[in-house]
Amino acid sequence: MNVYLDYAATSPLKQQVLDEMMPYLTGKFGNPDSLHSYGREAAYAVTSARDKIAEILGVKPNEVYFTSGGTEADNWAVRKLGRGRALLSPVEHAAVLSALPLRGGKRGTVCAVSADGIVLPEHVGEAFREDTGLVSVMAVNNETGCVQPIEELAALAHARGALFFSDCVQAACSLKLADVLRFADGISLSAHKIGGPKGVGALVVKNGAVLRPLIAGGEQERGLRGGTLNVAGAVGLAKALELAQENREAFCVHAGRLRDLFEEKICASLGKNVKRDGKNRAPNISHLTFLKGGEAFLNRLDLYGIAASGGAACSAHAALPSHVMLAMGRTPEEAKKGVRFSFGAETTEEEVLFAARTIAEAAQ
């Protein structure tokens, strides 16, 4: 049996999403910026997708900007949102952390994090500077699944005159994003994490927040991001987000039950030879550190038919210690031994039990 437990890396395209996209991948091929009927047809599809996303998130349509994915949205926010210094958590995705040197000026600061992977208000408060204009903390960590205290962190940022941005790429299947946007000034999204197509995402920024242009070119996206829009991708993102938020509660119950069963079986088999990482976790992510973990262990799992990850998929080929684990106080050696398992709506109990047995055998 082959078992896919890497939904946090990417998820299969849902049939309902593909059905919505197909007309714009085939017959309805017009450029949404063209003034003739073909263009108007494509423009209407983009407008409808933007309206749907805005309604789901509880924001205005002109606060939704389409991007090529979560990485671009994160880069855009860190580089171009707000004024002054940016303050980031050390457990952010590489798309956030790597963009910090590109912000210009005084660039920014990185705060601390607890050993359990939680960014506390005191961590942000200690790292805050007089010229801090943006605080960025992700809603759900992509490696540990830790859910961060967004309301408290946003309140602290606003009380000190800064904007608050949250990478929500891993949060769309487990958190109600409209609630996040009650507190945050902006969030990022990626379609392929929630059953949508790869290569499309969104940056949502509330009106009134300073957002500078990212890509020079045409007047697309209110003159802030040039380039012909991915019409089918925008349609797919809107449908995937709609399904993810509609099915969120049922998904959390399903994924949480399987995640707990999975961890229970592995921990019972391996005892002190395995450790659960993080607390206050989203129900679909399990990060375990194995005594005999590492790259060879991951390769063994693959040979046994278990697809998992040593961390973020975009960093999987680096063979370096996880920056998230290092920030949580692990040694470089320990930080190489963690494995992220993530569960989807398609995951079954049979797959989880098989995977737990196989992983325990491989770890021994």
Protein backbone atom coordinates (compact mmCIF):
# COMPACT_ATOMS: atom_id res chain seq x y z
CA MET A 1 0.00 0.00 0.00
CA ASN A 2 1.18 3.53 -0.81
CA VAL A 3 0.06 6.24 1.63
CA TYR A 4 0.27 9.97 0.93
CA LEU A 5 0.77 11.93 4.16
CA ASP A 6 2.15 15.16 2.74
CA TYR A 7 -0.97 17.27 2.16
CA ALA A 8 0.79 20.30 3.68
CA ALA A 9 3.15 20.18 0.69
CA THR A 10 0.34 19.96 -1.85
CA SER A 11 -3.10 18.45 -2.20
CA PRO A 12 -4.84 16.78 -5.16
CA LEU A 13 -6.93 18.99 -7.41
CA LYS A 14 -10.59 18.56 -6.49
CA GLN A 15 -12.93 17.57 -9.30
CA GLN A 16 -15.34 20.41 -8.49
CA VAL A 17 -12.49 22.87 -8.82
CA LEU A 18 -11.35 21.42 -12.14
CA ASP A 19 -14.92 21.54 -13.45
CA GLU A 20 -15.09 25.28 -12.70
CA MET A 21 -11.72 25.88 -14.34
CA MET A 22 -12.16 23.84 -17.52
CA PRO A 23 -14.07 26.42 -19.60
CA TYR A 24 -11.20 28.90 -19.09
CA LEU A 25 -8.58 26.30 -20.00
CA THR A 26 -10.32 25.55 -23.28
CA GLY A 27 -12.92 27.59 -25.17
CA LYS A 28 -13.07 30.72 -22.99
CA PHE A 29 -9.46 31.71 -23.60
CA GLY A 30 -9.72 35.49 -23.82
CA ASN A 31 -7.34 37.96 -22.17
CA PRO A 32 -9.28 39.69 -19.35
CA ASP A 33 -7.73 43.03 -20.34
CA SER A 34 -9.02 42.87 -23.92
CA LEU A 35 -12.02 45.06 -24.70
CA HIS A 36 -13.84 42.68 -27.03
CA SER A 37 -16.34 39.98 -26.06
CA TYR A 38 -13.66 37.32 -25.47
CA GLY A 39 -11.89 39.61 -23.05
CA ARG A 40 -15.09 40.68 -21.31
CA GLU A 41 -15.99 37.02 -20.75
CA ALA A 42 -12.63 36.36 -19.08
CA ALA A 43 -12.79 39.61 -17.09
CA TYR A 44 -16.21 38.65 -15.76
CA ALA A 45 -14.79 35.32 -14.56
CA VAL A 46 -11.97 37.10 -12.71
CA THR A 47 -14.38 39.62 -11.19
CA SER A 48 -16.71 36.83 -10.05
CA ALA A 49 -13.80 34.93 -8.50
CA ARG A 50 -12.59 38.05 -6.70
CA ASP A 51 -16.10 38.78 -5.43
CA LYS A 52 -16.50 35.20 -4.16
CA ILE A 53 -13.16 35.28 -2.30
CA ALA A 54 -14.00 38.66 -0.78
CA GLU A 55 -17.40 37.42 0.41
CA ILE A 56 -15.86 34.32 2.02
CA LEU A 57 -13.20 36.39 3.78
CA GLY A 58 -15.49 39.24 4.82
CA VAL A 59 -13.48 41.88 2.92
CA LYS A 60 -14.04 44.13 -0.09
CA PRO A 61 -13.29 42.86 -3.61
CA ASN A 62 -10.68 45.57 -4.19
CA GLU A 63 -8.76 44.23 -1.18
CA VAL A 64 -8.04 40.92 -2.98
CA TYR A 65 -4.97 40.76 -5.22
CA PHE A 66 -4.27 37.66 -7.29
CA THR A 67 -0.69 36.33 -7.30
CA SER A 68 1.26 33.38 -8.69
CA GLY A 69 1.06 31.62 -5.29
CA GLY A 70 1.77 31.91 -1.58
CA THR A 71 5.44 32.71 -2.05
CA GLU A 72 4.75 35.76 -4.17
CA ALA A 73 2.02 36.92 -1.79
CA ASP A 74 4.36 36.56 1.20
CA ASN A 75 7.19 38.31 -0.63
CA TRP A 76 4.91 41.16 -1.63
CA ALA A 77 3.72 41.70 1.93
CA VAL A 78 7.16 41.59 3.55
CA ARG A 79 8.75 43.80 0.92
CA LYS A 80 5.99 46.29 0.18
CA LEU A 81 3.39 46.41 2.98
CA GLY A 82 3.57 49.25 5.47
CA ARG A 83 6.47 51.53 6.31
CA GLY A 84 9.60 51.16 8.40
CA ARG A 85 11.06 48.02 9.92
CA ALA A 86 9.40 44.61 9.65
CA LEU A 87 9.24 42.29 12.66
CA LEU A 88 8.98 38.58 11.83
CA SER A 89 8.73 35.40 13.85
CA PRO A 90 11.66 32.96 13.41
CA VAL A 91 9.31 30.12 12.44
CA GLU A 92 7.89 31.83 9.35
CA HIS A 93 7.98 30.17 5.95
CA ALA A 94 11.14 30.81 3.91
CA ALA A 95 9.04 32.97 1.57
CA VAL A 96 8.66 35.44 4.45
CA LEU A 97 12.10 35.20 6.05
CA SER A 98 14.02 35.32 2.76
CA ALA A 99 12.14 38.43 1.66
CA LEU A 100 13.24 40.46 4.68
CA PRO A 101 16.61 41.59 3.19
CA LEU A 102 14.68 42.87 0.16
CA ARG A 103 12.50 45.22 2.19
CA GLY A 104 15.12 47.94 2.00
CA GLY A 105 15.98 50.60 4.53
CA LYS A 106 16.43 49.17 7.99
CA ARG A 107 14.85 45.90 6.86
CA GLY A 108 13.72 44.26 10.08
CA THR A 109 13.93 42.20 13.21
CA VAL A 110 13.24 38.57 14.09
CA CYS A 111 11.66 37.83 17.48
CA ALA A 112 11.90 34.75 19.69
CA VAL A 113 9.54 31.76 19.92
CA SER A 114 8.73 29.32 22.73
CA ALA A 115 10.11 25.78 22.88
CA ASP A 116 6.60 24.65 21.93
CA GLY A 117 6.61 26.72 18.75
CA ILE A 118 4.25 29.47 19.93
CA VAL A 119 4.98 33.16 19.28
CA LEU A 120 3.85 34.94 22.43
CA PRO A 121 3.01 38.65 22.73
CA GLU A 122 6.02 39.14 24.99
CA HIS A 123 8.28 37.80 22.25
CA VAL A 124 6.95 40.40 19.82
CA GLY A 125 7.00 43.13 22.45
CA GLU A 126 10.66 42.53 23.28
CA ALA A 127 11.69 42.70 19.62
CA PHE A 128 9.55 45.75 18.77
CA ARG A 129 11.43 48.89 17.73
CA GLU A 130 10.32 52.49 17.52
CA ASP A 131 10.38 52.31 13.71
CA THR A 132 8.64 48.92 13.39
CA GLY A 133 5.83 49.30 10.86
CA LEU A 134 4.89 45.70 10.11
CA VAL A 135 4.56 42.56 12.24
CA SER A 136 4.31 39.22 10.40
CA VAL A 137 3.34 35.99 12.16
CA MET A 138 1.82 33.03 10.31
CA ALA A 139 -1.56 31.72 11.50
CA VAL A 140 -0.64 28.01 11.27
CA ASN A 141 2.96 26.89 11.09
CA ASN A 142 3.64 24.80 8.01
CA GLU A 143 5.98 22.37 9.82
CA THR A 144 4.56 21.92 13.33
CA GLY A 145 0.96 22.97 12.75
CA CYS A 146 1.12 25.33 15.74
CA VAL A 147 -1.77 27.81 15.70
CA GLN A 148 -0.51 31.23 16.72
CA PRO A 149 -2.40 33.74 18.96
CA ILE A 150 -3.22 36.06 16.09
CA GLU A 151 -5.74 38.22 17.95
CA GLU A 152 -3.33 39.10 20.75
CA LEU A 153 -0.38 39.65 18.41
CA ALA A 154 -2.39 41.87 16.06
CA ALA A 155 -3.70 43.91 19.00
CA LEU A 156 -0.13 44.49 20.22
CA ALA A 157 1.03 45.54 16.74
CA HIS A 158 -1.88 47.94 16.30
CA ALA A 159 -1.43 49.43 19.77
CA ARG A 160 2.11 50.34 18.77
CA GLY A 161 1.14 51.75 15.39
CA ALA A 162 2.20 48.86 13.16
CA LEU A 163 0.33 46.77 10.60
CA PHE A 164 -0.17 43.04 11.16
CA PHE A 165 0.21 40.47 8.37
CA SER A 166 -0.38 36.72 8.63
CA ASP A 167 0.69 33.98 6.23
CA CYS A 168 -2.49 31.86 6.05
CA VAL A 169 -1.33 29.40 3.39
CA GLN A 170 -1.59 26.46 5.84
CA ALA A 171 -4.62 27.84 7.67
CA ALA A 172 -7.34 27.81 5.03
CA CYS A 173 -8.48 24.24 5.70
CA SER A 174 -8.61 24.51 9.51
CA LEU A 175 -9.25 28.14 10.55
CA LYS A 176 -12.12 30.47 9.71
CA LEU A 177 -10.21 33.05 7.72
CA ALA A 178 -12.83 35.76 8.15
CA ASP A 179 -12.01 35.64 11.87
CA VAL A 180 -8.30 36.06 11.15
CA LEU A 181 -9.08 39.09 9.00
CA ARG A 182 -11.06 40.66 11.81
CA PHE A 183 -7.66 41.32 13.38
CA ALA A 184 -5.05 41.17 10.59
CA ASP A 185 -4.45 43.89 8.02
CA GLY A 186 -3.45 41.33 5.43
CA ILE A 187 -3.12 37.61 4.74
CA SER A 188 -1.67 35.36 2.03
CA LEU A 189 -3.31 32.33 0.41
CA SER A 190 -2.27 29.50 -1.92
CA ALA A 191 -4.71 27.40 -3.96
CA HIS A 192 -2.83 24.10 -4.17
CA LYS A 193 -2.82 23.58 -0.40
CA ILE A 194 -6.63 23.33 -0.41
CA GLY A 195 -7.47 21.28 -3.48
CA GLY A 196 -6.90 24.04 -6.02
CA PRO A 197 -4.39 24.42 -8.86
CA LYS A 198 -0.68 25.10 -8.42
CA GLY A 199 0.64 28.48 -9.45
CA VAL A 200 -2.07 30.76 -8.08
CA GLY A 201 -2.64 32.49 -4.77
CA ALA A 202 -3.78 35.79 -3.32
CA LEU A 203 -2.62 38.62 -1.15
CA VAL A 204 -5.45 40.24 0.79
CA VAL A 205 -4.72 43.73 2.13
CA LYS A 206 -7.32 45.95 3.74
CA ASN A 207 -7.91 49.38 2.29
CA GLY A 208 -5.97 52.08 4.10
CA ALA A 209 -2.85 49.99 4.56
CA VAL A 210 0.11 51.18 2.48
CA LEU A 211 0.89 48.60 -0.24
CA ARG A 212 3.50 49.47 -2.85
CA PRO A 213 3.74 47.91 -6.35
CA LEU A 214 5.52 44.59 -6.75
CA ILE A 215 5.72 43.97 -10.52
CA ALA A 216 6.02 46.79 -13.05
CA GLY A 217 4.17 46.41 -16.32
CA GLY A 218 0.50 46.78 -17.09
CA GLU A 219 -2.26 48.22 -14.95
CA GLN A 220 -3.49 44.86 -13.68
CA GLU A 221 -4.40 44.51 -9.98
CA ARG A 222 -5.02 48.24 -9.55
CA GLY A 223 -1.59 49.04 -11.02
CA LEU A 224 0.25 47.18 -8.26
CA ARG A 225 1.06 43.90 -10.04
CA GLY A 226 1.56 43.89 -13.78
CA GLY A 227 0.98 40.80 -15.89
CA THR A 228 -1.91 39.03 -17.57
CA LEU A 229 -4.05 37.37 -14.92
CA ASN A 230 -4.35 33.60 -14.64
CA VAL A 231 -8.08 33.43 -15.30
CA ALA A 232 -8.54 29.68 -14.77
CA GLY A 233 -6.31 29.86 -11.68
CA ALA A 234 -8.35 32.68 -10.14
CA VAL A 235 -11.55 30.73 -10.75
CA GLY A 236 -9.95 27.61 -9.25
CA LEU A 237 -8.70 29.45 -6.17
CA ALA A 238 -12.15 30.88 -5.49
CA LYS A 239 -13.82 27.47 -5.74
CA ALA A 240 -11.15 25.72 -3.67
CA LEU A 241 -11.41 28.38 -0.95
CA GLU A 242 -15.19 28.12 -0.95
CA LEU A 243 -15.04 24.34 -0.48
CA ALA A 244 -12.29 24.51 2.16
CA GLN A 245 -14.13 27.05 4.29
CA GLU A 246 -17.53 25.36 3.88
CA ASN A 247 -16.12 21.96 4.89
CA ARG A 248 -13.70 23.27 7.51
CA GLU A 249 -15.42 21.96 10.63
CA ALA A 250 -16.01 18.47 9.23
CA PHE A 251 -12.44 18.38 7.94
CA CYS A 252 -11.04 19.30 11.36
CA VAL A 253 -12.96 16.46 13.01
CA HIS A 254 -11.86 13.95 10.36
CA ALA A 255 -8.20 15.00 10.25
CA GLY A 256 -7.92 15.41 14.01
CA ARG A 257 -9.25 11.91 14.68
CA LEU A 258 -6.83 10.36 12.22
CA ARG A 259 -3.87 12.45 13.42
CA ASP A 260 -4.48 11.46 17.05
CA LEU A 261 -4.87 7.79 16.13
CA PHE A 262 -1.68 7.94 14.06
CA GLU A 263 0.36 9.52 16.87
CA GLU A 264 -1.10 7.20 19.49
CA LYS A 265 -0.02 4.11 17.55
CA ILE A 266 3.48 5.39 16.79
CA CYS A 267 4.15 6.66 20.31
CA ALA A 268 2.89 3.39 21.82
CA SER A 269 5.31 1.47 19.61
CA LEU A 270 8.37 3.69 19.96
CA GLY A 271 8.01 5.25 23.42
CA LYS A 272 10.92 7.56 24.20
CA ASN A 273 12.36 7.07 20.72
CA VAL A 274 9.86 9.55 19.29
CA LYS A 275 8.69 12.99 20.38
CA ARG A 276 5.66 15.07 19.36
CA ASP A 277 6.60 18.63 18.49
CA GLY A 278 4.61 21.79 19.13
CA LYS A 279 1.37 22.54 20.95
CA ASN A 280 -1.98 24.13 20.12
CA ARG A 281 -1.70 22.44 16.73
CA ALA A 282 -3.99 22.44 13.72
CA PRO A 283 -5.61 18.99 13.46
CA ASN A 284 -4.14 18.03 10.09
CA ILE A 285 -0.39 18.29 10.85
CA SER A 286 1.81 16.04 12.98
CA HIS A 287 5.50 16.79 13.44
CA LEU A 288 7.44 13.99 15.10
CA THR A 289 11.14 13.84 15.96
CA PHE A 290 12.57 10.32 15.76
CA LEU A 291 15.68 9.15 17.61
CA LYS A 292 16.81 7.49 14.37
CA GLY A 293 15.35 10.15 12.09
CA GLY A 294 17.07 12.00 9.28
CA GLU A 295 17.34 11.94 5.52
CA ALA A 296 18.02 8.18 5.38
CA PHE A 297 14.91 7.54 7.48
CA LEU A 298 12.76 9.64 5.12
CA ASN A 299 14.16 7.74 2.16
CA ARG A 300 13.33 4.46 3.90
CA LEU A 301 9.74 5.61 4.43
CA ASP A 302 9.49 6.42 0.74
CA LEU A 303 10.70 2.95 -0.15
CA TYR A 304 8.07 1.51 2.20
CA GLY A 305 5.37 3.54 0.42
CA ILE A 306 4.91 6.38 2.93
CA ALA A 307 5.08 9.92 1.52
CA ALA A 308 6.04 12.43 4.20
CA SER A 309 8.33 15.43 4.52
CA GLY A 310 11.26 16.61 6.61
CA GLY A 311 9.73 20.10 6.65
CA ALA A 312 8.57 22.59 4.04
CA ALA A 313 8.55 21.03 0.56
CA CYS A 314 10.38 24.03 -0.91
CA SER A 315 13.34 23.30 1.43
CA ALA A 316 13.28 19.52 1.14
CA HIS A 317 16.41 19.32 -1.05
CA ALA A 318 18.56 21.51 1.21
CA ALA A 319 19.48 18.73 3.71
CA LEU A 320 19.85 21.39 6.38
CA PRO A 321 18.45 21.43 9.94
CA SER A 322 14.90 22.77 10.11
CA HIS A 323 15.01 26.48 10.93
CA VAL A 324 11.71 26.02 12.77
CA MET A 325 13.15 23.35 15.06
CA LEU A 326 16.32 25.40 15.62
CA ALA A 327 14.21 28.41 16.63
CA MET A 328 12.38 26.16 19.11
CA GLY A 329 15.70 25.36 20.81
CA ARG A 330 16.61 22.04 19.19
CA THR A 331 20.22 21.20 18.41
CA PRO A 332 21.22 21.05 14.72
CA GLU A 333 21.34 17.26 14.99
CA GLU A 334 17.86 17.05 16.53
CA ALA A 335 16.54 19.53 13.97
CA LYS A 336 17.45 17.12 11.17
CA LYS A 337 15.46 14.23 12.66
CA GLY A 338 11.95 15.63 12.46
CA VAL A 339 9.29 14.40 10.04
CA ARG A 340 6.08 16.21 9.11
CA PHE A 341 3.04 14.07 8.40
CA SER A 342 -0.06 15.86 7.13
CA PHE A 343 -3.55 14.56 6.49
CA GLY A 344 -6.22 15.38 3.94
CA ALA A 345 -9.92 14.83 3.45
CA GLU A 346 -9.03 11.81 1.31
CA THR A 347 -6.93 10.12 4.04
CA THR A 348 -8.52 6.95 5.45
CA GLU A 349 -8.22 5.13 8.77
CA GLU A 350 -6.85 2.09 6.96
CA GLU A 351 -4.05 4.21 5.48
CA VAL A 352 -3.24 5.76 8.86
CA LEU A 353 -3.02 2.40 10.65
CA PHE A 354 -0.84 0.94 7.88
CA ALA A 355 1.40 4.02 7.93
CA ALA A 356 1.78 3.96 11.71
CA ARG A 357 2.83 0.31 11.71
CA THR A 358 5.23 0.82 8.82
CA ILE A 359 6.80 3.95 10.32
CA ALA A 360 7.30 2.26 13.68
CA GLU A 361 9.01 -0.67 11.99
CA ALA A 362 11.20 1.63 9.92
CA ALA A 363 12.20 3.62 13.01
CA GLN A 364 13.32 0.48 14.79
